[in-house]
Protein backbone atom coordinates (compact mmCIF):
# COMPACT_ATOMS: atom_id res chain seq x y z
CA UNK A 1 -115.87 2.85 -1.23
CA UNK A 2 -116.07 2.49 -5.02
CA UNK A 3 -114.21 -0.12 -7.05
CA UNK A 4 -112.61 2.64 -9.11
CA UNK A 5 -109.81 3.24 -6.63
CA UNK A 6 -108.80 -0.42 -6.68
CA UNK A 7 -108.72 -0.50 -10.48
CA UNK A 8 -106.62 2.64 -10.67
CA UNK A 9 -104.18 1.26 -8.10
CA UNK A 10 -103.78 -1.88 -10.20
CA UNK A 11 -103.10 0.19 -13.31
CA UNK A 12 -100.61 2.29 -11.39
CA UNK A 13 -98.71 -0.79 -10.21
CA UNK A 14 -98.52 -2.11 -13.77
CA UNK A 15 -97.28 1.27 -15.01
CA UNK A 16 -94.45 1.09 -12.47
CA UNK A 17 -93.39 -2.22 -14.03
CA UNK A 18 -93.15 -0.49 -17.41
CA UNK A 19 -90.94 2.33 -16.14
CA UNK A 20 -88.49 -0.17 -14.65
CA UNK A 21 -88.12 -1.51 -18.20
CA UNK A 22 -87.36 2.03 -19.35
CA UNK A 23 -84.34 2.26 -17.03
CA UNK A 24 -85.87 4.09 -14.08
CA UNK A 25 -85.12 3.08 -10.51
CA UNK A 26 -87.30 3.61 -7.40
CA UNK A 27 -85.48 6.68 -6.07
CA UNK A 28 -85.44 8.37 -9.51
CA UNK A 29 -89.12 7.75 -10.04
CA UNK A 30 -90.34 8.94 -6.65
CA UNK A 31 -88.05 11.98 -6.69
CA UNK A 32 -89.31 13.07 -10.11
CA UNK A 33 -92.96 12.58 -9.15
CA UNK A 34 -92.40 14.59 -5.99
CA UNK A 35 -91.00 17.46 -8.08
CA UNK A 36 -93.87 17.48 -10.55
CA UNK A 37 -96.81 16.67 -8.29
CA UNK A 38 -97.64 16.80 -4.58
CA UNK A 39 -96.46 15.02 -1.45
CA UNK A 40 -99.71 13.04 -1.51
CA UNK A 41 -98.96 11.82 -5.04
CA UNK A 42 -95.50 10.85 -3.85
CA UNK A 43 -96.90 8.75 -1.00
CA UNK A 44 -99.29 6.98 -3.36
CA UNK A 45 -96.46 6.23 -5.78
CA UNK A 46 -94.33 4.76 -2.97
CA UNK A 47 -97.24 2.44 -2.21
CA UNK A 48 -97.46 1.45 -5.89
CA UNK A 49 -93.73 0.68 -5.90
CA UNK A 50 -94.11 -1.44 -2.77
CA UNK A 51 -97.04 -3.34 -4.30
CA UNK A 52 -95.15 -3.94 -7.56
CA UNK A 53 -91.89 -5.21 -6.10
CA UNK A 54 -93.69 -7.98 -4.19
CA UNK A 55 -93.83 -9.89 -7.48
CA UNK A 56 -90.07 -10.51 -7.49
CA UNK A 57 -88.01 -12.89 -5.34
CA UNK A 58 -85.84 -11.07 -2.82
CA UNK A 59 -82.67 -12.54 -4.30
CA UNK A 60 -83.28 -10.74 -7.62
CA UNK A 61 -82.76 -7.30 -6.05
CA UNK A 62 -79.24 -5.91 -6.07
CA UNK A 63 -77.99 -3.79 -3.18
CA UNK A 64 -78.76 -0.47 -4.84
CA UNK A 65 -82.42 -1.35 -5.28
CA UNK A 66 -82.67 -2.66 -1.73
CA UNK A 67 -81.11 0.54 -0.38
CA UNK A 68 -83.48 2.74 -2.38
CA UNK A 69 -86.56 0.81 -1.31
CA UNK A 70 -85.45 1.00 2.30
CA UNK A 71 -84.81 4.75 2.08
CA UNK A 72 -88.27 5.27 0.58
CA UNK A 73 -89.85 3.02 3.23
CA UNK A 74 -91.58 1.24 0.35
CA UNK A 75 -93.50 -1.52 2.14
CA UNK A 76 -96.95 -3.04 2.07
CA UNK A 77 -98.53 -1.55 5.19
CA UNK A 78 -102.14 -2.35 4.29
CA UNK A 79 -103.84 -5.69 5.02
CA UNK A 80 -104.45 -6.85 1.45
CA UNK A 81 -104.86 -5.61 -2.11
CA UNK A 82 -108.61 -5.36 -1.69
CA UNK A 83 -108.13 -3.15 1.35
CA UNK A 84 -105.48 -0.80 -0.03
CA UNK A 85 -107.83 1.84 -1.46
CA UNK A 86 -109.88 2.07 1.73
CA UNK A 87 -106.79 2.10 3.97
CA UNK A 88 -105.09 4.79 1.85
CA UNK A 89 -108.12 7.09 1.91
CA UNK A 90 -108.42 6.62 5.66
CA UNK A 91 -104.76 7.40 6.22
CA UNK A 92 -104.91 10.49 4.01
CA UNK A 93 -108.26 11.61 5.35
CA UNK A 94 -109.76 12.00 1.86
CA UNK A 95 -112.67 10.70 -0.17
CA UNK A 96 -112.27 7.95 -2.82
CA UNK A 97 -112.49 10.45 -5.69
CA UNK A 98 -109.26 12.07 -4.43
CA UNK A 99 -107.53 8.69 -4.67
CA UNK A 100 -108.84 8.23 -8.21
CA UNK A 101 -107.62 11.69 -9.22
CA UNK A 102 -104.16 11.16 -7.73
CA UNK A 103 -103.79 7.78 -9.42
CA UNK A 104 -104.84 9.14 -12.82
CA UNK A 105 -102.45 12.08 -12.55
CA UNK A 106 -99.61 9.73 -11.65
CA UNK A 107 -100.48 7.47 -14.58
CA UNK A 108 -100.31 10.43 -16.96
CA UNK A 109 -96.90 11.31 -15.57
CA UNK A 110 -95.54 7.77 -15.81
CA UNK A 111 -96.63 7.05 -19.37
CA UNK A 112 -94.79 10.17 -20.56
CA UNK A 113 -91.46 9.33 -18.89
CA UNK A 114 -88.48 9.08 -21.25
CA UNK A 115 -86.20 6.09 -21.47
CA UNK A 116 -83.04 6.19 -19.36
CA UNK A 117 -79.87 4.12 -19.64
CA UNK A 118 -80.02 1.06 -17.38
CA UNK A 119 -77.58 1.37 -14.49
CA UNK A 120 -77.83 -2.28 -13.55
CA UNK A 121 -80.18 -5.24 -13.49
CA UNK A 122 -83.81 -4.68 -12.56
CA UNK A 123 -85.67 -7.13 -10.34
CA UNK A 124 -86.75 -10.26 -12.16
CA UNK A 125 -84.43 -9.83 -15.12
CA UNK A 126 -81.22 -8.32 -16.43
CA UNK A 127 -81.38 -4.71 -17.48
CA UNK A 128 -80.08 -4.13 -20.97
CA UNK A 129 -77.38 -1.53 -20.81
CA UNK A 130 -73.63 -0.92 -20.76
CA UNK A 131 -73.39 -1.19 -16.99
CA UNK A 132 -75.57 -4.28 -16.60
CA UNK A 133 -73.55 -6.97 -14.91
CA UNK A 134 -70.64 -4.63 -14.28
CA UNK A 135 -68.21 -5.96 -11.73
CA UNK A 136 -69.05 -3.62 -8.88
CA UNK A 137 -66.85 -4.02 -5.83
CA UNK A 138 -68.90 -2.90 -2.86
CA UNK A 139 -67.58 -0.23 -0.55
CA UNK A 140 -67.60 -1.32 3.08
CA UNK A 141 -70.85 0.01 4.55
CA UNK A 142 -69.23 0.37 7.98
CA UNK A 143 -66.70 2.72 6.46
CA UNK A 144 -69.40 4.74 4.72
CA UNK A 145 -71.22 4.95 8.04
CA UNK A 146 -68.14 6.53 9.62
CA UNK A 147 -67.84 8.87 6.64
CA UNK A 148 -71.40 10.07 7.06
CA UNK A 149 -70.89 10.55 10.78
CA UNK A 150 -67.80 12.68 10.11
CA UNK A 151 -69.63 14.77 7.54
CA UNK A 152 -72.53 15.33 9.90
CA UNK A 153 -70.07 16.83 12.39
CA UNK A 154 -68.48 18.96 9.67
CA UNK A 155 -71.86 20.30 8.64
CA UNK A 156 -72.76 21.28 12.19
CA UNK A 157 -69.52 22.95 13.24
CA UNK A 158 -69.68 26.67 14.06
CA UNK A 159 -65.93 27.21 13.67
CA UNK A 160 -64.74 27.86 10.10
CA UNK A 161 -61.11 27.74 11.21
CA UNK A 162 -61.59 24.18 12.44
CA UNK A 163 -63.13 23.15 9.15
CA UNK A 164 -60.31 24.81 7.23
CA UNK A 165 -57.62 22.97 9.24
CA UNK A 166 -59.38 19.65 8.72
CA UNK A 167 -59.80 20.40 5.06
CA UNK A 168 -56.11 20.92 4.35
CA UNK A 169 -55.27 17.48 5.71
CA UNK A 170 -58.40 15.74 4.45
CA UNK A 171 -57.90 16.75 0.82
CA UNK A 172 -54.57 14.98 0.72
CA UNK A 173 -55.99 11.87 2.36
CA UNK A 174 -58.84 11.83 -0.15
CA UNK A 175 -56.48 11.92 -3.09
CA UNK A 176 -54.21 9.22 -1.65
CA UNK A 177 -57.18 6.97 -1.00
CA UNK A 178 -58.38 7.38 -4.57
CA UNK A 179 -54.98 6.40 -5.93
CA UNK A 180 -54.79 3.48 -3.51
CA UNK A 181 -58.15 2.17 -4.69
CA UNK A 182 -57.12 2.50 -8.32
CA UNK A 183 -54.02 0.38 -7.77
CA UNK A 184 -56.00 -2.19 -5.80
CA UNK A 185 -58.58 -2.34 -8.57
CA UNK A 186 -55.89 -2.94 -11.16
CA UNK A 187 -54.72 -5.92 -9.14
CA UNK A 188 -58.22 -7.39 -9.21
CA UNK A 189 -58.06 -7.94 -12.94
CA UNK A 190 -60.55 -7.10 -15.72
CA UNK A 191 -63.68 -7.81 -13.67
CA UNK A 192 -63.79 -4.32 -12.18
CA UNK A 193 -65.75 -1.91 -14.38
CA UNK A 194 -67.43 1.48 -14.08
CA UNK A 195 -70.80 1.63 -12.39
CA UNK A 196 -73.40 4.38 -12.22
CA UNK A 197 -75.86 6.06 -9.94
CA UNK A 198 -78.21 8.99 -10.11
CA UNK A 199 -77.91 11.96 -7.77
CA UNK A 200 -80.71 14.46 -7.19
CA UNK A 201 -80.05 18.06 -8.25
CA UNK A 202 -82.94 20.18 -7.04
CA UNK A 203 -84.21 23.71 -7.57
CA UNK A 204 -83.68 26.46 -6.74
CA UNK A 205 -80.27 27.24 -8.23
CA UNK A 206 -80.11 23.84 -9.89
CA UNK A 207 -77.54 24.94 -12.50
CA UNK A 208 -74.76 25.87 -10.03
CA UNK A 209 -75.63 22.78 -7.96
CA UNK A 210 -75.12 20.67 -11.08
CA UNK A 211 -71.76 22.40 -11.58
CA UNK A 212 -70.77 21.52 -8.02
CA UNK A 213 -71.64 17.87 -8.61
CA UNK A 214 -69.68 17.91 -11.87
CA UNK A 215 -66.48 19.27 -10.31
CA UNK A 216 -66.68 16.84 -7.37
CA UNK A 217 -67.23 13.97 -9.82
CA UNK A 218 -64.34 14.96 -12.07
CA UNK A 219 -61.97 15.37 -9.12
CA UNK A 220 -62.83 11.79 -8.15
CA UNK A 221 -62.31 10.46 -11.69
CA UNK A 222 -66.03 10.19 -12.40
CA UNK A 223 -68.26 11.92 -14.94
CA UNK A 224 -71.64 13.55 -14.32
CA UNK A 225 -74.37 14.01 -16.93
CA UNK A 226 -77.12 16.43 -15.89
CA UNK A 227 -80.74 15.71 -16.85
CA UNK A 228 -82.03 19.16 -16.06
CA UNK A 229 -85.67 18.50 -16.88
CA UNK A 230 -85.69 15.39 -14.66
CA UNK A 231 -83.98 16.92 -11.62
CA UNK A 232 -80.98 14.61 -11.32
CA UNK A 233 -77.58 13.74 -12.78
CA UNK A 234 -76.21 10.37 -13.82
CA UNK A 235 -72.73 9.89 -12.35
CA UNK A 236 -70.46 7.23 -13.84
CA UNK A 237 -67.25 5.96 -12.30
CA UNK A 238 -65.71 3.20 -10.24
CA UNK A 239 -67.63 2.16 -7.10
CA UNK A 240 -65.41 3.64 -4.37
CA UNK A 241 -65.17 6.88 -6.34
CA UNK A 242 -68.95 7.03 -6.76
CA UNK A 243 -69.45 6.58 -3.03
CA UNK A 244 -67.04 9.44 -2.34
CA UNK A 245 -68.77 11.69 -4.89
CA UNK A 246 -72.20 11.13 -3.41
CA UNK A 247 -71.32 11.74 0.23
CA UNK A 248 -68.96 14.63 -0.53
CA UNK A 249 -71.41 16.41 -2.84
CA UNK A 250 -74.18 16.07 -0.26
CA UNK A 251 -71.99 17.49 2.49
CA UNK A 252 -70.59 20.35 0.40
CA UNK A 253 -74.08 21.33 -0.69
CA UNK A 254 -75.26 21.44 2.92
CA UNK A 255 -72.24 23.54 3.90
CA UNK A 256 -72.66 25.89 0.93
CA UNK A 257 -76.38 26.36 1.56
CA UNK A 258 -75.80 27.13 5.23
CA UNK A 259 -73.18 29.77 4.42
CA UNK A 260 -75.31 31.23 1.65
CA UNK A 261 -78.36 31.58 3.89
CA UNK A 262 -76.21 32.97 6.71
CA UNK A 263 -75.07 35.74 4.36
CA UNK A 264 -78.66 36.98 4.37
CA UNK A 265 -80.67 38.87 1.72
CA UNK A 266 -79.12 41.46 -0.57
CA UNK A 267 -80.50 44.68 -2.06
CA UNK A 268 -79.08 47.23 -4.45
CA UNK A 269 -78.81 50.98 -3.89
CA UNK A 270 -82.43 51.46 -4.97
CA UNK A 271 -83.72 48.84 -2.54
CA UNK A 272 -84.39 46.20 -5.18
CA UNK A 273 -83.76 42.60 -4.18
CA UNK A 274 -80.45 41.13 -5.37
CA UNK A 275 -80.74 37.99 -3.28
CA UNK A 276 -81.32 35.62 -6.18
CA UNK A 277 -78.37 36.87 -8.23
CA UNK A 278 -76.19 36.90 -5.10
CA UNK A 279 -77.01 33.28 -4.30
CA UNK A 280 -76.60 32.15 -7.89
CA UNK A 281 -73.18 33.76 -8.03
CA UNK A 282 -72.31 32.43 -4.59
CA UNK A 283 -72.97 28.81 -5.55
CA UNK A 284 -71.23 29.13 -8.91
CA UNK A 285 -68.12 30.55 -7.24
CA UNK A 286 -68.29 27.96 -4.49
CA UNK A 287 -68.37 25.15 -7.06
CA UNK A 288 -65.52 26.66 -9.06
CA UNK A 289 -63.27 27.10 -6.03
CA UNK A 290 -64.03 23.63 -4.63
CA UNK A 291 -63.09 22.17 -8.00
CA UNK A 292 -59.81 24.09 -7.96
CA UNK A 293 -58.97 22.85 -4.47
CA UNK A 294 -59.72 19.25 -5.30
CA UNK A 295 -57.75 19.32 -8.55
CA UNK A 296 -54.76 20.98 -6.89
CA UNK A 297 -54.62 18.28 -4.26
CA UNK A 298 -55.15 15.38 -6.66
CA UNK A 299 -52.40 16.64 -8.98
CA UNK A 300 -49.98 17.19 -6.12
CA UNK A 301 -50.55 13.81 -4.52
CA UNK A 302 -50.30 12.02 -7.86
CA UNK A 303 -46.97 13.76 -8.51
CA UNK A 304 -45.69 12.71 -5.08
CA UNK A 305 -46.77 9.09 -5.42
CA UNK A 306 -43.88 6.84 -6.35
CA UNK A 307 -44.24 3.88 -8.66
CA UNK A 308 -44.23 3.50 -12.41
CA UNK A 309 -47.49 1.52 -12.35
CA UNK A 310 -49.70 4.42 -11.25
CA UNK A 311 -50.09 6.47 -14.43
CA UNK A 312 -51.19 3.61 -16.72
CA UNK A 313 -53.76 2.53 -14.14
CA UNK A 314 -55.27 6.01 -13.84
CA UNK A 315 -55.26 6.49 -17.60
CA UNK A 316 -57.03 3.19 -18.18
CA UNK A 317 -59.67 3.95 -15.55
CA UNK A 318 -60.32 7.34 -17.15
CA UNK A 319 -60.70 5.64 -20.51
CA UNK A 320 -63.12 3.08 -19.09
CA UNK A 321 -65.31 5.82 -17.62
CA UNK A 322 -65.26 7.80 -20.88
CA UNK A 323 -66.24 4.67 -22.82
CA UNK A 324 -69.16 4.10 -20.46
CA UNK A 325 -70.31 7.71 -20.92
CA UNK A 326 -70.01 7.50 -24.72
CA UNK A 327 -71.96 4.24 -24.84
CA UNK A 328 -74.72 5.47 -22.55
CA UNK A 329 -75.00 8.97 -23.99
CA UNK A 330 -73.91 8.87 -27.65
CA UNK A 331 -75.58 12.21 -28.41
CA UNK A 332 -74.34 14.04 -25.34
CA UNK A 333 -73.92 17.79 -25.71
CA UNK A 334 -71.92 20.03 -23.43
CA UNK A 335 -73.64 23.06 -21.97
CA UNK A 336 -72.08 26.26 -20.73
CA UNK A 337 -72.29 27.60 -17.22
CA UNK A 338 -74.66 30.54 -16.94
CA UNK A 339 -73.28 34.01 -16.53
CA UNK A 340 -72.72 35.51 -13.09
CA UNK A 341 -73.84 39.09 -12.48
CA UNK A 342 -73.23 39.53 -8.76
CA UNK A 343 -69.57 40.10 -7.89
CA UNK A 344 -70.26 40.23 -4.16
CA UNK A 345 -71.87 36.80 -4.29
CA UNK A 346 -68.93 35.43 -6.31
CA UNK A 347 -66.40 36.62 -3.73
CA UNK A 348 -68.49 35.30 -0.85
CA UNK A 349 -68.85 31.92 -2.53
CA UNK A 350 -65.12 31.54 -3.10
CA UNK A 351 -64.43 32.50 0.50
CA UNK A 352 -66.91 29.89 1.74
CA UNK A 353 -65.34 27.24 -0.50
CA UNK A 354 -61.92 27.96 0.99
CA UNK A 355 -63.34 27.11 4.42
CA UNK A 356 -65.37 24.08 3.30
CA UNK A 357 -64.58 20.74 4.95
CA UNK A 358 -63.70 18.23 2.24
CA UNK A 359 -63.18 15.47 4.77
CA UNK A 360 -65.56 12.94 3.28
CA UNK A 361 -62.85 10.67 2.04
CA UNK A 362 -60.53 11.28 4.95
CA UNK A 363 -62.49 8.93 7.17
CA UNK A 364 -62.43 6.25 4.48
CA UNK A 365 -58.68 6.57 4.27
CA UNK A 366 -58.20 6.43 8.01
CA UNK A 367 -60.28 3.29 8.34
CA UNK A 368 -58.84 1.53 5.31
CA UNK A 369 -55.59 0.79 7.08
CA UNK A 370 -53.51 2.21 4.24
CA UNK A 371 -51.30 5.30 4.18
């Protein structure tokens, strides 16, 4: 085993430190590398992250970083730094020159990464950014566990009618919970502020997927900014709303993809494939209709909610989120949704959206103990 692999691993770990200073977080970094390079590169980068984070005391990690590291399974599994190169090559079944090549390619990728707005403190020091130190009220993880369990059932159901019946009731519960949380947050005083997180938006059909995330975010009083070239969106909003956006978007995307694939391939009268245009139109229509359903429910529930204190609270929260977006992205430009050329796919997507289960927030409402 040559010493080259060890040197490259050390350089890679130091490069990870630099990208933390540029605003990247573990999940963002590994997701982007996985898009641009191979699964083997991704595994090596996870090891570099694990090696780098050992330098920081455990108490300097906030919950979001801990959750991301756990999800990535970023841990030091090798015996010692001097043994890492040998152990990695043995695990991968490759020669040392493959390790060197992977490390160099990752280094080239990391040094070219752009700066991102900091979404919170990084380990070992405060991250400079508008959301650093924001008063984030944590959402009960037991409640989120129940939400995810409910969504897993919704995604696996074979009965659209059942999903539709649940959806009609769940939409109202979602909207009431959002209003309830806004009023509770107002009672907590000025410490509560918008937070942020990044949500992966992958190819294929990344544009309509980004639209779906945007409409779910806006219905939950959040804002989404799509970084198309990086493969994710930054979502800004209040903590309970962000949690709802993430789990609901994930579930709706699973449901939409299942329905889209179930519709099968499409061809025109001459036998040419129309599958891509069908699916693009399907997802665009699905996103549009889901947004309509969510907005209809939110507007209706807000109109039904008594109390003169509600409107000022919602207005102020919207302003706070807009201020956070403006501060983070002062040069933000608005793009236009791409055109849709497949009418059949558009109709199929709207029909699927009408049957989609939007019950993500219903479980939160039911377990919160509030009407």
